[in-house]
Amino acid sequence: MVWTPVGQFASSGLVSSSFTTANRLAELLGDWRQGGVAHERLAATVRSLILDGRIPLQSRLPPERALAGVLGCSRATVTFAYNRLRDGG
């Protein structure tokens, strides 16, 4: 699925032309809940998917609420995971 950015963010270069849907990301994540703190495991699993190329670099990840709903976890878990990924570069 290719997502076409629209509006001010498209011209600013702040968004990528690829977009990972919540359902697709959930499929890629598999059994990410194995051991450890949920947000740390989620961040580590997403990072692994990026490093092995299953999520292209600079892809836009799904919104926190959408991903939390699909994964059946709290939005805070996804928020903390996304923050951890941002902090890690």
PDB file of N, CA and C in Angstrom:
ATOM      1  N   MET A   1       0.845  -1.168   0.000  1.00  0.00           N
ATOM      2  CA  MET A   1       0.000   0.000   0.000  1.00  0.00           C
ATOM      3  C   MET A   1       0.887   1.226   0.000  1.00  0.00           C
ATOM      4  N   VAL A   2       0.646   2.138  -0.907  1.00  0.00           N
ATOM      5  CA  VAL A   2       1.410   3.375  -0.967  1.00  0.00           C
ATOM      6  C   VAL A   2       0.519   4.513  -0.535  1.00  0.00           C
ATOM      7  N   TRP A   3       1.016   5.313   0.349  1.00  0.00           N
ATOM      8  CA  TRP A   3       0.280   6.440   0.884  1.00  0.00           C
ATOM      9  C   TRP A   3       0.845   7.707   0.275  1.00  0.00           C
ATOM     10  N   THR A   4      -0.016   8.564  -0.213  1.00  0.00           N
ATOM     11  CA  THR A   4       0.418   9.825  -0.790  1.00  0.00           C
ATOM     12  C   THR A   4       0.165  10.943   0.193  1.00  0.00           C
ATOM     13  N   PRO A   5       1.222  11.624   0.653  1.00  0.00           N
ATOM     14  CA  PRO A   5       1.042  12.703   1.611  1.00  0.00           C
ATOM     15  C   PRO A   5       0.298  13.872   0.983  1.00  0.00           C
ATOM     16  N   VAL A   6      -0.488  14.544   1.796  1.00  0.00           N
ATOM     17  CA  VAL A   6      -1.290  15.663   1.323  1.00  0.00           C
ATOM     18  C   VAL A   6      -1.094  16.840   2.269  1.00  0.00           C
ATOM     19  N   GLY A   7      -1.192  18.031   1.763  1.00  0.00           N
ATOM     20  CA  GLY A   7      -1.182  19.222   2.612  1.00  0.00           C
ATOM     21  C   GLY A   7       0.204  19.726   2.928  1.00  0.00           C
ATOM     22  N   GLN A   8       0.287  20.532   4.009  1.00  0.00           N
ATOM     23  CA  GLN A   8       1.527  21.212   4.333  1.00  0.00           C
ATOM     24  C   GLN A   8       2.667  20.260   4.646  1.00  0.00           C
ATOM     25  N   PHE A   9       2.376  19.105   5.240  1.00  0.00           N
ATOM     26  CA  PHE A   9       3.440  18.186   5.597  1.00  0.00           C
ATOM     27  C   PHE A   9       4.058  17.532   4.380  1.00  0.00           C
ATOM     28  N   ALA A  10       3.296  17.351   3.320  1.00  0.00           N
ATOM     29  CA  ALA A  10       3.818  16.748   2.100  1.00  0.00           C
ATOM     30  C   ALA A  10       4.915  17.623   1.507  1.00  0.00           C
ATOM     31  N   SER A  11       4.683  18.918   1.458  1.00  0.00           N
ATOM     32  CA  SER A  11       5.672  19.804   0.860  1.00  0.00           C
ATOM     33  C   SER A  11       6.856  20.059   1.782  1.00  0.00           C
ATOM     34  N   SER A  12       6.688  19.824   3.082  1.00  0.00           N
ATOM     35  CA  SER A  12       7.773  20.087   4.021  1.00  0.00           C
ATOM     36  C   SER A  12       8.774  18.948   4.095  1.00  0.00           C
ATOM     37  N   GLY A  13       8.402  17.784   3.548  1.00  0.00           N
ATOM     38  CA  GLY A  13       9.289  16.632   3.619  1.00  0.00           C
ATOM     39  C   GLY A  13       9.226  15.919   4.950  1.00  0.00           C
ATOM     40  N   LEU A  14       8.224  16.242   5.794  1.00  0.00           N
ATOM     41  CA  LEU A  14       8.130  15.635   7.112  1.00  0.00           C
ATOM     42  C   LEU A  14       7.482  14.260   7.092  1.00  0.00           C
ATOM     43  N   VAL A  15       6.904  13.880   5.966  1.00  0.00           N
ATOM     44  CA  VAL A  15       6.287  12.568   5.887  1.00  0.00           C
ATOM     45  C   VAL A  15       6.906  11.787   4.745  1.00  0.00           C
ATOM     46  N   SER A  16       6.839  10.507   4.864  1.00  0.00           N
ATOM     47  CA  SER A  16       7.374   9.618   3.849  1.00  0.00           C
ATOM     48  C   SER A  16       6.273   9.218   2.888  1.00  0.00           C
ATOM     49  N   SER A  17       6.657   8.677   1.754  1.00  0.00           N
ATOM     50  CA  SER A  17       5.655   8.239   0.794  1.00  0.00           C
ATOM     51  C   SER A  17       5.167   6.826   1.099  1.00  0.00           C
ATOM     52  N   SER A  18       5.748   6.173   2.094  1.00  0.00           N
ATOM     53  CA  SER A  18       5.258   4.849   2.453  1.00  0.00           C
ATOM     54  C   SER A  18       4.589   4.899   3.816  1.00  0.00           C
ATOM     55  N   PHE A  19       3.580   4.072   3.989  1.00  0.00           N
ATOM     56  CA  PHE A  19       2.779   4.102   5.204  1.00  0.00           C
ATOM     57  C   PHE A  19       2.472   2.677   5.607  1.00  0.00           C
ATOM     58  N   THR A  20       2.734   2.343   6.840  1.00  0.00           N
ATOM     59  CA  THR A  20       2.436   1.019   7.356  1.00  0.00           C
ATOM     60  C   THR A  20       1.122   1.096   8.113  1.00  0.00           C
ATOM     61  N   THR A  21       0.124   0.318   7.709  1.00  0.00           N
ATOM     62  CA  THR A  21      -1.157   0.337   8.407  1.00  0.00           C
ATOM     63  C   THR A  21      -1.038  -0.411   9.728  1.00  0.00           C
ATOM     64  N   ALA A  22      -1.970  -0.137  10.627  1.00  0.00           N
ATOM     65  CA  ALA A  22      -1.969  -0.810  11.926  1.00  0.00           C
ATOM     66  C   ALA A  22      -2.112  -2.317  11.755  1.00  0.00           C
ATOM     67  N   ASN A  23      -2.993  -2.742  10.857  1.00  0.00           N
ATOM     68  CA  ASN A  23      -3.172  -4.182  10.643  1.00  0.00           C
ATOM     69  C   ASN A  23      -1.918  -4.830  10.081  1.00  0.00           C
ATOM     70  N   ARG A  24      -1.273  -4.172   9.133  1.00  0.00           N
ATOM     71  CA  ARG A  24      -0.053  -4.727   8.537  1.00  0.00           C
ATOM     72  C   ARG A  24       1.062  -4.786   9.575  1.00  0.00           C
ATOM     73  N   LEU A  25       1.202  -3.741  10.371  1.00  0.00           N
ATOM     74  CA  LEU A  25       2.234  -3.745  11.399  1.00  0.00           C
ATOM     75  C   LEU A  25       1.969  -4.842  12.421  1.00  0.00           C
ATOM     76  N   ALA A  26       0.718  -5.030  12.794  1.00  0.00           N
ATOM     77  CA  ALA A  26       0.377  -6.095  13.744  1.00  0.00           C
ATOM     78  C   ALA A  26       0.767  -7.457  13.186  1.00  0.00           C
ATOM     79  N   GLU A  27       0.544  -7.678  11.885  1.00  0.00           N
ATOM     80  CA  GLU A  27       0.956  -8.938  11.253  1.00  0.00           C
ATOM     81  C   GLU A  27       2.470  -9.118  11.345  1.00  0.00           C
ATOM     82  N   LEU A  28       3.202  -8.051  11.049  1.00  0.00           N
ATOM     83  CA  LEU A  28       4.662  -8.117  11.081  1.00  0.00           C
ATOM     84  C   LEU A  28       5.200  -8.325  12.495  1.00  0.00           C
ATOM     85  N   LEU A  29       4.507  -7.766  13.481  1.00  0.00           N
ATOM     86  CA  LEU A  29       4.975  -7.858  14.865  1.00  0.00           C
ATOM     87  C   LEU A  29       4.907  -9.276  15.415  1.00  0.00           C
ATOM     88  N   GLY A  30       3.948 -10.041  14.943  1.00  0.00           N
ATOM     89  CA  GLY A  30       3.816 -11.409  15.448  1.00  0.00           C
ATOM     90  C   GLY A  30       3.593 -11.425  16.949  1.00  0.00           C
ATOM     91  N   ASP A  31       4.326 -12.281  17.656  1.00  0.00           N
ATOM     92  CA  ASP A  31       4.170 -12.432  19.102  1.00  0.00           C
ATOM     93  C   ASP A  31       5.181 -11.545  19.834  1.00  0.00           C
ATOM     94  N   TRP A  32       4.962 -10.240  19.788  1.00  0.00           N
ATOM     95  CA  TRP A  32       5.895  -9.283  20.356  1.00  0.00           C
ATOM     96  C   TRP A  32       5.830  -9.206  21.870  1.00  0.00           C
ATOM     97  N   ARG A  33       4.824  -9.802  22.488  1.00  0.00           N
ATOM     98  CA  ARG A  33       4.623  -9.670  23.935  1.00  0.00           C
ATOM     99  C   ARG A  33       5.469 -10.617  24.779  1.00  0.00           C
ATOM    100  N   GLN A  34       6.283 -11.419  24.168  1.00  0.00           N
ATOM    101  CA  GLN A  34       7.098 -12.404  24.896  1.00  0.00           C
ATOM    102  C   GLN A  34       8.100 -11.734  25.829  1.00  0.00           C
ATOM    103  N   GLY A  35       7.880 -11.831  27.123  1.00  0.00           N
ATOM    104  CA  GLY A  35       8.824 -11.378  28.146  1.00  0.00           C
ATOM    105  C   GLY A  35       9.108  -9.891  28.157  1.00  0.00           C
ATOM    106  N   GLY A  36       9.288  -9.353  29.338  1.00  0.00           N
ATOM    107  CA  GLY A  36       9.677  -7.961  29.473  1.00  0.00           C
ATOM    108  C   GLY A  36       8.514  -6.995  29.562  1.00  0.00           C
ATOM    109  N   VAL A  37       8.864  -5.735  29.622  1.00  0.00           N
ATOM    110  CA  VAL A  37       7.901  -4.646  29.712  1.00  0.00           C
ATOM    111  C   VAL A  37       7.305  -4.419  28.328  1.00  0.00           C
ATOM    112  N   ALA A  38       5.985  -4.268  28.261  1.00  0.00           N
ATOM    113  CA  ALA A  38       5.276  -4.223  26.980  1.00  0.00           C
ATOM    114  C   ALA A  38       5.814  -3.151  26.032  1.00  0.00           C
ATOM    115  N   HIS A  39       5.962  -1.912  26.514  1.00  0.00           N
ATOM    116  CA  HIS A  39       6.403  -0.863  25.585  1.00  0.00           C
ATOM    117  C   HIS A  39       7.838  -1.079  25.123  1.00  0.00           C
ATOM    118  N   GLU A  40       8.678  -1.656  25.968  1.00  0.00           N
ATOM    119  CA  GLU A  40      10.054  -1.946  25.564  1.00  0.00           C
ATOM    120  C   GLU A  40      10.091  -3.061  24.528  1.00  0.00           C
ATOM    121  N   ARG A  41       9.268  -4.088  24.723  1.00  0.00           N
ATOM    122  CA  ARG A  41       9.196  -5.196  23.752  1.00  0.00           C
ATOM    123  C   ARG A  41       8.645  -4.708  22.420  1.00  0.00           C
ATOM    124  N   LEU A  42       7.613  -3.868  22.465  1.00  0.00           N
ATOM    125  CA  LEU A  42       7.032  -3.340  21.235  1.00  0.00           C
ATOM    126  C   LEU A  42       8.068  -2.504  20.481  1.00  0.00           C
ATOM    127  N   ALA A  43       8.736  -1.627  21.177  1.00  0.00           N
ATOM    128  CA  ALA A  43       9.762  -0.794  20.532  1.00  0.00           C
ATOM    129  C   ALA A  43      10.880  -1.654  19.954  1.00  0.00           C
ATOM    130  N   ALA A  44      11.333  -2.640  20.703  1.00  0.00           N
ATOM    131  CA  ALA A  44      12.414  -3.506  20.233  1.00  0.00           C
ATOM    132  C   ALA A  44      11.996  -4.297  18.999  1.00  0.00           C
ATOM    133  N   THR A  45      10.754  -4.748  18.980  1.00  0.00           N
ATOM    134  CA  THR A  45      10.278  -5.534  17.842  1.00  0.00           C
ATOM    135  C   THR A  45      10.138  -4.666  16.601  1.00  0.00           C
ATOM    136  N   VAL A  46       9.593  -3.463  16.759  1.00  0.00           N
ATOM    137  CA  VAL A  46       9.484  -2.548  15.617  1.00  0.00           C
ATOM    138  C   VAL A  46      10.884  -2.194  15.116  1.00  0.00           C
ATOM    139  N   ARG A  47      11.799  -1.922  16.018  1.00  0.00           N
ATOM    140  CA  ARG A  47      13.184  -1.605  15.635  1.00  0.00           C
ATOM    141  C   ARG A  47      13.787  -2.757  14.829  1.00  0.00           C
ATOM    142  N   SER A  48      13.556  -3.983  15.264  1.00  0.00           N
ATOM    143  CA  SER A  48      14.066  -5.154  14.539  1.00  0.00           C
ATOM    144  C   SER A  48      13.481  -5.235  13.131  1.00  0.00           C
ATOM    145  N   LEU A  49      12.185  -4.932  13.009  1.00  0.00           N
ATOM    146  CA  LEU A  49      11.539  -4.958  11.699  1.00  0.00           C
ATOM    147  C   LEU A  49      12.130  -3.900  10.766  1.00  0.00           C
ATOM    148  N   ILE A  50      12.507  -2.767  11.327  1.00  0.00           N
ATOM    149  CA  ILE A  50      13.133  -1.715  10.530  1.00  0.00           C
ATOM    150  C   ILE A  50      14.543  -2.145  10.128  1.00  0.00           C
ATOM    151  N   LEU A  51      15.295  -2.669  11.080  1.00  0.00           N
ATOM    152  CA  LEU A  51      16.681  -3.048  10.802  1.00  0.00           C
ATOM    153  C   LEU A  51      16.798  -4.184   9.795  1.00  0.00           C
ATOM    154  N   ASP A  52      15.827  -5.096   9.799  1.00  0.00           N
ATOM    155  CA  ASP A  52      15.915  -6.200   8.828  1.00  0.00           C
ATOM    156  C   ASP A  52      15.193  -5.896   7.512  1.00  0.00           C
ATOM    157  N   GLY A  53      14.677  -4.659   7.384  1.00  0.00           N
ATOM    158  CA  GLY A  53      14.117  -4.214   6.117  1.00  0.00           C
ATOM    159  C   GLY A  53      12.646  -4.529   5.882  1.00  0.00           C
ATOM    160  N   ARG A  54      11.991  -5.156   6.846  1.00  0.00           N
ATOM    161  CA  ARG A  54      10.561  -5.448   6.648  1.00  0.00           C
ATOM    162  C   ARG A  54       9.696  -4.199   6.774  1.00  0.00           C
ATOM    163  N   ILE A  55      10.194  -3.193   7.475  1.00  0.00           N
ATOM    164  CA  ILE A  55       9.596  -1.860   7.456  1.00  0.00           C
ATOM    165  C   ILE A  55      10.666  -0.954   6.856  1.00  0.00           C
ATOM    166  N   PRO A  56      10.388  -0.367   5.705  1.00  0.00           N
ATOM    167  CA  PRO A  56      11.400   0.493   5.064  1.00  0.00           C
ATOM    168  C   PRO A  56      11.756   1.699   5.937  1.00  0.00           C
ATOM    169  N   LEU A  57      13.008   2.113   5.851  1.00  0.00           N
ATOM    170  CA  LEU A  57      13.440   3.309   6.569  1.00  0.00           C
ATOM    171  C   LEU A  57      12.562   4.480   6.177  1.00  0.00           C
ATOM    172  N   GLN A  58      12.299   5.352   7.112  1.00  0.00           N
ATOM    173  CA  GLN A  58      11.504   6.558   6.927  1.00  0.00           C
ATOM    174  C   GLN A  58      10.034   6.283   6.653  1.00  0.00           C
ATOM    175  N   SER A  59       9.583   5.044   6.884  1.00  0.00           N
ATOM    176  CA  SER A  59       8.157   4.753   6.743  1.00  0.00           C
ATOM    177  C   SER A  59       7.397   5.434   7.861  1.00  0.00           C
ATOM    178  N   ARG A  60       6.206   5.824   7.548  1.00  0.00           N
ATOM    179  CA  ARG A  60       5.354   6.419   8.562  1.00  0.00           C
ATOM    180  C   ARG A  60       4.619   5.289   9.271  1.00  0.00           C
ATOM    181  N   LEU A  61       4.735   5.242  10.586  1.00  0.00           N
ATOM    182  CA  LEU A  61       4.056   4.219  11.372  1.00  0.00           C
ATOM    183  C   LEU A  61       2.604   4.627  11.607  1.00  0.00           C
ATOM    184  N   PRO A  62       1.741   3.661  11.897  1.00  0.00           N
ATOM    185  CA  PRO A  62       0.328   3.991  12.102  1.00  0.00           C
ATOM    186  C   PRO A  62       0.119   4.833  13.355  1.00  0.00           C
ATOM    187  N   PRO A  63      -1.007   5.548  13.407  1.00  0.00           N
ATOM    188  CA  PRO A  63      -1.321   6.344  14.600  1.00  0.00           C
ATOM    189  C   PRO A  63      -1.393   5.462  15.846  1.00  0.00           C
ATOM    190  N   GLU A  64      -1.069   6.057  16.974  1.00  0.00           N
ATOM    191  CA  GLU A  64      -1.030   5.326  18.248  1.00  0.00           C
ATOM    192  C   GLU A  64      -2.355   4.639  18.561  1.00  0.00           C
ATOM    193  N   ARG A  65      -3.443   5.356  18.432  1.00  0.00           N
ATOM    194  CA  ARG A  65      -4.753   4.779  18.774  1.00  0.00           C
ATOM    195  C   ARG A  65      -5.096   3.604  17.875  1.00  0.00           C
ATOM    196  N   ALA A  66      -4.818   3.742  16.594  1.00  0.00           N
ATOM    197  CA  ALA A  66      -5.131   2.660  15.653  1.00  0.00           C
ATOM    198  C   ALA A  66      -4.321   1.411  15.984  1.00  0.00           C
ATOM    199  N   LEU A  67      -3.026   1.580  16.233  1.00  0.00           N
ATOM    200  CA  LEU A  67      -2.183   0.427  16.542  1.00  0.00           C
ATOM    201  C   LEU A  67      -2.583  -0.200  17.876  1.00  0.00           C
ATOM    202  N   ALA A  68      -2.844   0.626  18.883  1.00  0.00           N
ATOM    203  CA  ALA A  68      -3.260   0.100  20.187  1.00  0.00           C
ATOM    204  C   ALA A  68      -4.538  -0.719  20.051  1.00  0.00           C
ATOM    205  N   GLY A  69      -5.489  -0.229  19.257  1.00  0.00           N
ATOM    206  CA  GLY A  69      -6.736  -0.958  19.058  1.00  0.00           C
ATOM    207  C   GLY A  69      -6.528  -2.303  18.401  1.00  0.00           C
ATOM    208  N   VAL A  70      -5.686  -2.352  17.390  1.00  0.00           N
ATOM    209  CA  VAL A  70      -5.425  -3.608  16.681  1.00  0.00           C
ATOM    210  C   VAL A  70      -4.646  -4.582  17.563  1.00  0.00           C
ATOM    211  N   LEU A  71      -3.704  -4.068  18.343  1.00  0.00           N
ATOM    212  CA  LEU A  71      -2.874  -4.935  19.196  1.00  0.00           C
ATOM    213  C   LEU A  71      -3.576  -5.332  20.495  1.00  0.00           C
ATOM    214  N   GLY A  72      -4.637  -4.607  20.841  1.00  0.00           N
ATOM    215  CA  GLY A  72      -5.327  -4.904  22.094  1.00  0.00           C
ATOM    216  C   GLY A  72      -4.529  -4.494  23.314  1.00  0.00           C
ATOM    217  N   CYS A  73      -3.807  -3.387  23.191  1.00  0.00           N
ATOM    218  CA  CYS A  73      -3.037  -2.876  24.327  1.00  0.00           C
ATOM    219  C   CYS A  73      -3.438  -1.419  24.540  1.00  0.00           C
ATOM    220  N   SER A  74      -2.896  -0.796  25.561  1.00  0.00           N
ATOM    221  CA  SER A  74      -3.241   0.597  25.832  1.00  0.00           C
ATOM    222  C   SER A  74      -2.505   1.527  24.868  1.00  0.00           C
ATOM    223  N   ARG A  75      -3.100   2.681  24.676  1.00  0.00           N
ATOM    224  CA  ARG A  75      -2.446   3.688  23.839  1.00  0.00           C
ATOM    225  C   ARG A  75      -1.130   4.112  24.481  1.00  0.00           C
ATOM    226  N   ALA A  76      -1.082   4.135  25.807  1.00  0.00           N
ATOM    227  CA  ALA A  76       0.153   4.511  26.511  1.00  0.00           C
ATOM    228  C   ALA A  76       1.302   3.573  26.140  1.00  0.00           C
ATOM    229  N   THR A  77       1.009   2.300  25.983  1.00  0.00           N
ATOM    230  CA  THR A  77       2.048   1.338  25.595  1.00  0.00           C
ATOM    231  C   THR A  77       2.636   1.723  24.244  1.00  0.00           C
ATOM    232  N   VAL A  78       1.772   2.038  23.297  1.00  0.00           N
ATOM    233  CA  VAL A  78       2.240   2.414  21.956  1.00  0.00           C
ATOM    234  C   VAL A  78       2.959   3.761  22.006  1.00  0.00           C
ATOM    235  N   THR A  79       2.424   4.704  22.779  1.00  0.00           N
ATOM    236  CA  THR A  79       3.059   6.021  22.910  1.00  0.00           C
ATOM    237  C   THR A  79       4.468   5.887  23.469  1.00  0.00           C
ATOM    238  N   PHE A  80       4.619   5.119  24.540  1.00  0.00           N
ATOM    239  CA  PHE A  80       5.947   4.910  25.127  1.00  0.00           C
ATOM    240  C   PHE A  80       6.879   4.216  24.142  1.00  0.00           C
ATOM    241  N   ALA A  81       6.365   3.246  23.399  1.00  0.00           N
ATOM    242  CA  ALA A  81       7.190   2.541  22.417  1.00  0.00           C
ATOM    243  C   ALA A  81       7.647   3.496  21.313  1.00  0.00           C
ATOM    244  N   TYR A  82       6.735   4.292  20.783  1.00  0.00           N
ATOM    245  CA  TYR A  82       7.087   5.256  19.738  1.00  0.00           C
ATOM    246  C   TYR A  82       8.101   6.270  20.265  1.00  0.00           C
ATOM    247  N   ASN A  83       7.908   6.743  21.506  1.00  0.00           N
ATOM    248  CA  ASN A  83       8.873   7.680  22.093  1.00  0.00           C
ATOM    249  C   ASN A  83      10.251   7.041  22.217  1.00  0.00           C
ATOM    250  N   ARG A  84      10.277   5.794  22.613  1.00  0.00           N
ATOM    251  CA  ARG A  84      11.545   5.066  22.744  1.00  0.00           C
ATOM    252  C   ARG A  84      12.238   4.965  21.385  1.00  0.00           C
ATOM    253  N   LEU A  85      11.455   4.688  20.347  1.00  0.00           N
ATOM    254  CA  LEU A  85      12.028   4.616  18.995  1.00  0.00           C
ATOM    255  C   LEU A  85      12.564   5.979  18.553  1.00  0.00           C
ATOM    256  N   ARG A  86      11.802   7.041  18.819  1.00  0.00           N
ATOM    257  CA  ARG A  86      12.265   8.393  18.465  1.00  0.00           C
ATOM    258  C   ARG A  86      13.551   8.731  19.196  1.00  0.00           C
ATOM    259  N   ASP A  87      13.578   8.432  20.504  1.00  0.00           N
ATOM    260  CA  ASP A  87      14.759   8.738  21.305  1.00  0.00           C
ATOM    261  C   ASP A  87      15.987   7.973  20.817  1.00  0.00           C
ATOM    262  N   GLY A  88      15.741   6.771  20.289  1.00  0.00           N
ATOM    263  CA  GLY A  88      16.844   5.945  19.787  1.00  0.00           C
ATOM    264  C   GLY A  88      17.260   6.280  18.365  1.00  0.00           C
ATOM    265  N   GLY A  89      16.566   7.230  17.780  1.00  0.00           N
ATOM    266  CA  GLY A  89      16.919   7.652  16.430  1.00  0.00           C
ATOM    267  C   GLY A  89      16.246   6.842  15.384  1.00  0.00           C
TER     268      GLY A  89
END
